Amino acid sequence: KIHLWIGGHVHRPFRSIPLKNSCFSMIDPAEFEQPHPKVGERYSFPVVVTGGPTGKLPENMYFTSVYVEVKPEGISVRSYDRFCKEFDSFRISPDGTVTDIFRSDEFKFYEY
């Protein structure tokens, strides 16, 4: 069973919400250069994407990183901006349940 998918090269920090057409992002998915396909409801795991340089993001989000720690009790995921400030943190239990730990105000909820 897949518990987490990590991607990059789309130039915007993003985390999908399993089994929903919704996400957390710095940018409204309606403003993405390519429309976001309504396929989130098909995926039972979160997709986490790192950010890169784009004029639509604040400078601190031009280069983001993801720290993943895997232990028998679950997966911990933390996302950081280019100045090492955490903006998202969550945990995935062995059964696939996602629990939010921390999310900055700028990493907002959107439906698409």
C-alpha atoms as a PDB file:
ATOM      1  CA  LYS A   1       0.000   0.000   0.000  1.00  0.00           C
ATOM      2  CA  ILE A   2       1.285   3.471  -0.865  1.00  0.00           C
ATOM      3  CA  HIS A   3       1.351   5.851   2.125  1.00  0.00           C
ATOM      4  CA  LEU A   4       3.094   8.899   0.597  1.00  0.00           C
ATOM      5  CA  TRP A   5       4.068  10.277  -2.809  1.00  0.00           C
ATOM      6  CA  ILE A   6       6.747  12.996  -3.072  1.00  0.00           C
ATOM      7  CA  GLY A   7       7.318  15.074  -6.192  1.00  0.00           C
ATOM      8  CA  GLY A   8       8.985  18.220  -7.397  1.00  0.00           C
ATOM      9  CA  HIS A   9       9.607  20.457 -10.381  1.00  0.00           C
ATOM     10  CA  VAL A  10       6.190  22.103 -10.415  1.00  0.00           C
ATOM     11  CA  HIS A  11       7.419  25.264  -8.644  1.00  0.00           C
ATOM     12  CA  ARG A  12       4.802  25.389  -5.915  1.00  0.00           C
ATOM     13  CA  PRO A  13       4.640  23.744  -2.482  1.00  0.00           C
ATOM     14  CA  PHE A  14       1.581  21.517  -2.357  1.00  0.00           C
ATOM     15  CA  ARG A  15       0.036  18.728  -0.261  1.00  0.00           C
ATOM     16  CA  SER A  16      -3.034  16.842  -1.398  1.00  0.00           C
ATOM     17  CA  ILE A  17      -5.705  15.595   0.979  1.00  0.00           C
ATOM     18  CA  PRO A  18      -6.336  11.870   0.527  1.00  0.00           C
ATOM     19  CA  LEU A  19      -9.584  10.876  -1.208  1.00  0.00           C
ATOM     20  CA  LYS A  20     -10.630  14.508  -1.844  1.00  0.00           C
ATOM     21  CA  ASN A  21     -10.237  17.071  -4.608  1.00  0.00           C
ATOM     22  CA  SER A  22      -8.591  19.462  -2.169  1.00  0.00           C
ATOM     23  CA  CYS A  23      -5.132  20.454  -1.042  1.00  0.00           C
ATOM     24  CA  PHE A  24      -2.923  22.756   0.984  1.00  0.00           C
ATOM     25  CA  SER A  25      -0.946  25.208  -1.134  1.00  0.00           C
ATOM     26  CA  MET A  26       0.645  28.664  -1.185  1.00  0.00           C
ATOM     27  CA  ILE A  27      -1.227  29.388  -4.434  1.00  0.00           C
ATOM     28  CA  ASP A  28      -4.855  28.770  -5.314  1.00  0.00           C
ATOM     29  CA  PRO A  29      -4.932  25.794  -7.740  1.00  0.00           C
ATOM     30  CA  ALA A  30      -7.145  27.939 -10.005  1.00  0.00           C
ATOM     31  CA  GLU A  31      -4.026  30.058 -10.625  1.00  0.00           C
ATOM     32  CA  PHE A  32      -1.773  27.115 -11.588  1.00  0.00           C
ATOM     33  CA  GLU A  33      -0.407  27.390 -15.138  1.00  0.00           C
ATOM     34  CA  GLN A  34      -1.893  23.975 -15.905  1.00  0.00           C
ATOM     35  CA  PRO A  35      -5.364  23.299 -14.454  1.00  0.00           C
ATOM     36  CA  HIS A  36      -5.173  20.807 -11.617  1.00  0.00           C
ATOM     37  CA  PRO A  37      -6.998  17.624 -12.654  1.00  0.00           C
ATOM     38  CA  LYS A  38      -9.830  16.546 -10.365  1.00  0.00           C
ATOM     39  CA  VAL A  39      -8.252  13.208  -9.510  1.00  0.00           C
ATOM     40  CA  GLY A  40      -7.493  13.652  -5.789  1.00  0.00           C
ATOM     41  CA  GLU A  41     -10.539  11.628  -4.829  1.00  0.00           C
ATOM     42  CA  ARG A  42      -8.866   8.582  -6.409  1.00  0.00           C
ATOM     43  CA  TYR A  43      -5.757   8.644  -4.199  1.00  0.00           C
ATOM     44  CA  SER A  44      -5.773   7.323  -0.633  1.00  0.00           C
ATOM     45  CA  PHE A  45      -2.370   8.850   0.159  1.00  0.00           C
ATOM     46  CA  PRO A  46      -1.067  12.432   0.330  1.00  0.00           C
ATOM     47  CA  VAL A  47       1.023  13.826  -2.508  1.00  0.00           C
ATOM     48  CA  VAL A  48       3.682  16.296  -1.313  1.00  0.00           C
ATOM     49  CA  VAL A  49       5.397  18.588  -3.822  1.00  0.00           C
ATOM     50  CA  THR A  50       8.355  20.903  -3.275  1.00  0.00           C
ATOM     51  CA  GLY A  51       8.492  24.508  -4.456  1.00  0.00           C
ATOM     52  CA  GLY A  52      10.794  26.300  -6.851  1.00  0.00           C
ATOM     53  CA  PRO A  53      11.321  29.790  -8.235  1.00  0.00           C
ATOM     54  CA  THR A  54       8.220  31.436  -9.654  1.00  0.00           C
ATOM     55  CA  GLY A  55       6.873  34.958  -9.548  1.00  0.00           C
ATOM     56  CA  LYS A  56       3.693  33.794  -7.820  1.00  0.00           C
ATOM     57  CA  LEU A  57       5.431  32.717  -4.592  1.00  0.00           C
ATOM     58  CA  PRO A  58       7.156  34.768  -1.918  1.00  0.00           C
ATOM     59  CA  GLU A  59      10.956  34.530  -2.111  1.00  0.00           C
ATOM     60  CA  ASN A  60      11.176  32.262   0.944  1.00  0.00           C
ATOM     61  CA  MET A  61       9.258  29.579  -1.007  1.00  0.00           C
ATOM     62  CA  TYR A  62      11.496  29.576  -4.098  1.00  0.00           C
ATOM     63  CA  PHE A  63      13.340  26.479  -2.864  1.00  0.00           C
ATOM     64  CA  THR A  64      11.588  24.222  -0.386  1.00  0.00           C
ATOM     65  CA  SER A  65      12.628  20.904   1.099  1.00  0.00           C
ATOM     66  CA  VAL A  66      10.877  17.903   2.595  1.00  0.00           C
ATOM     67  CA  TYR A  67      12.175  15.900   5.550  1.00  0.00           C
ATOM     68  CA  VAL A  68      10.748  12.385   5.891  1.00  0.00           C
ATOM     69  CA  GLU A  69      11.283  10.086   8.853  1.00  0.00           C
ATOM     70  CA  VAL A  70      10.043   6.494   8.627  1.00  0.00           C
ATOM     71  CA  LYS A  71       9.563   4.429  11.790  1.00  0.00           C
ATOM     72  CA  PRO A  72       7.441   1.368  12.605  1.00  0.00           C
ATOM     73  CA  GLU A  73       4.839   3.636  14.242  1.00  0.00           C
ATOM     74  CA  GLY A  74       4.435   5.784  11.138  1.00  0.00           C
ATOM     75  CA  ILE A  75       5.860   8.334   8.724  1.00  0.00           C
ATOM     76  CA  SER A  76       6.587  11.920   9.785  1.00  0.00           C
ATOM     77  CA  VAL A  77       6.786  14.558   7.041  1.00  0.00           C
ATOM     78  CA  ARG A  78       7.996  18.138   7.472  1.00  0.00           C
ATOM     79  CA  SER A  79       8.283  20.805   4.787  1.00  0.00           C
ATOM     80  CA  TYR A  80      10.652  23.773   5.080  1.00  0.00           C
ATOM     81  CA  ASP A  81      11.133  27.007   3.164  1.00  0.00           C
ATOM     82  CA  ARG A  82      14.512  28.111   1.789  1.00  0.00           C
ATOM     83  CA  PHE A  83      15.427  29.654   5.168  1.00  0.00           C
ATOM     84  CA  CYS A  84      14.717  26.373   7.029  1.00  0.00           C
ATOM     85  CA  LYS A  85      11.439  27.601   8.537  1.00  0.00           C
ATOM     86  CA  GLU A  86       8.868  24.832   8.820  1.00  0.00           C
ATOM     87  CA  PHE A  87       5.555  25.517   7.044  1.00  0.00           C
ATOM     88  CA  ASP A  88       3.900  22.077   7.092  1.00  0.00           C
ATOM     89  CA  SER A  89       4.137  18.972   9.253  1.00  0.00           C
ATOM     90  CA  PHE A  90       2.007  15.847   9.429  1.00  0.00           C
ATOM     91  CA  ARG A  91       2.133  12.170  10.355  1.00  0.00           C
ATOM     92  CA  ILE A  92       0.889   9.100   8.498  1.00  0.00           C
ATOM     93  CA  SER A  93       0.006   6.094  10.657  1.00  0.00           C
ATOM     94  CA  PRO A  94       0.603   2.508   9.469  1.00  0.00           C
ATOM     95  CA  ASP A  95      -3.075   2.246   8.475  1.00  0.00           C
ATOM     96  CA  GLY A  96      -2.696   5.346   6.240  1.00  0.00           C
ATOM     97  CA  THR A  97      -4.455   7.871   8.493  1.00  0.00           C
ATOM     98  CA  VAL A  98      -3.047  11.394   8.078  1.00  0.00           C
ATOM     99  CA  THR A  99      -2.788  13.623  11.160  1.00  0.00           C
ATOM    100  CA  ASP A 100      -1.840  17.296  10.808  1.00  0.00           C
ATOM    101  CA  ILE A 101       0.830  18.479  13.261  1.00  0.00           C
ATOM    102  CA  PHE A 102       1.524  22.043  12.083  1.00  0.00           C
ATOM    103  CA  ARG A 103       0.630  24.198   9.090  1.00  0.00           C
ATOM    104  CA  SER A 104       1.558  27.861   8.627  1.00  0.00           C
ATOM    105  CA  ASP A 105      -1.163  30.394   7.838  1.00  0.00           C
ATOM    106  CA  GLU A 106       0.188  30.919   4.306  1.00  0.00           C
ATOM    107  CA  PHE A 107      -0.186  27.192   3.469  1.00  0.00           C
ATOM    108  CA  LYS A 108      -3.945  27.379   2.895  1.00  0.00           C
ATOM    109  CA  PHE A 109      -6.727  24.910   2.199  1.00  0.00           C
ATOM    110  CA  TYR A 110      -8.202  24.897  -1.316  1.00  0.00           C
ATOM    111  CA  GLU A 111     -10.672  22.793  -3.224  1.00  0.00           C
ATOM    112  CA  TYR A 112     -10.171  22.243  -6.945  1.00  0.00           C
END
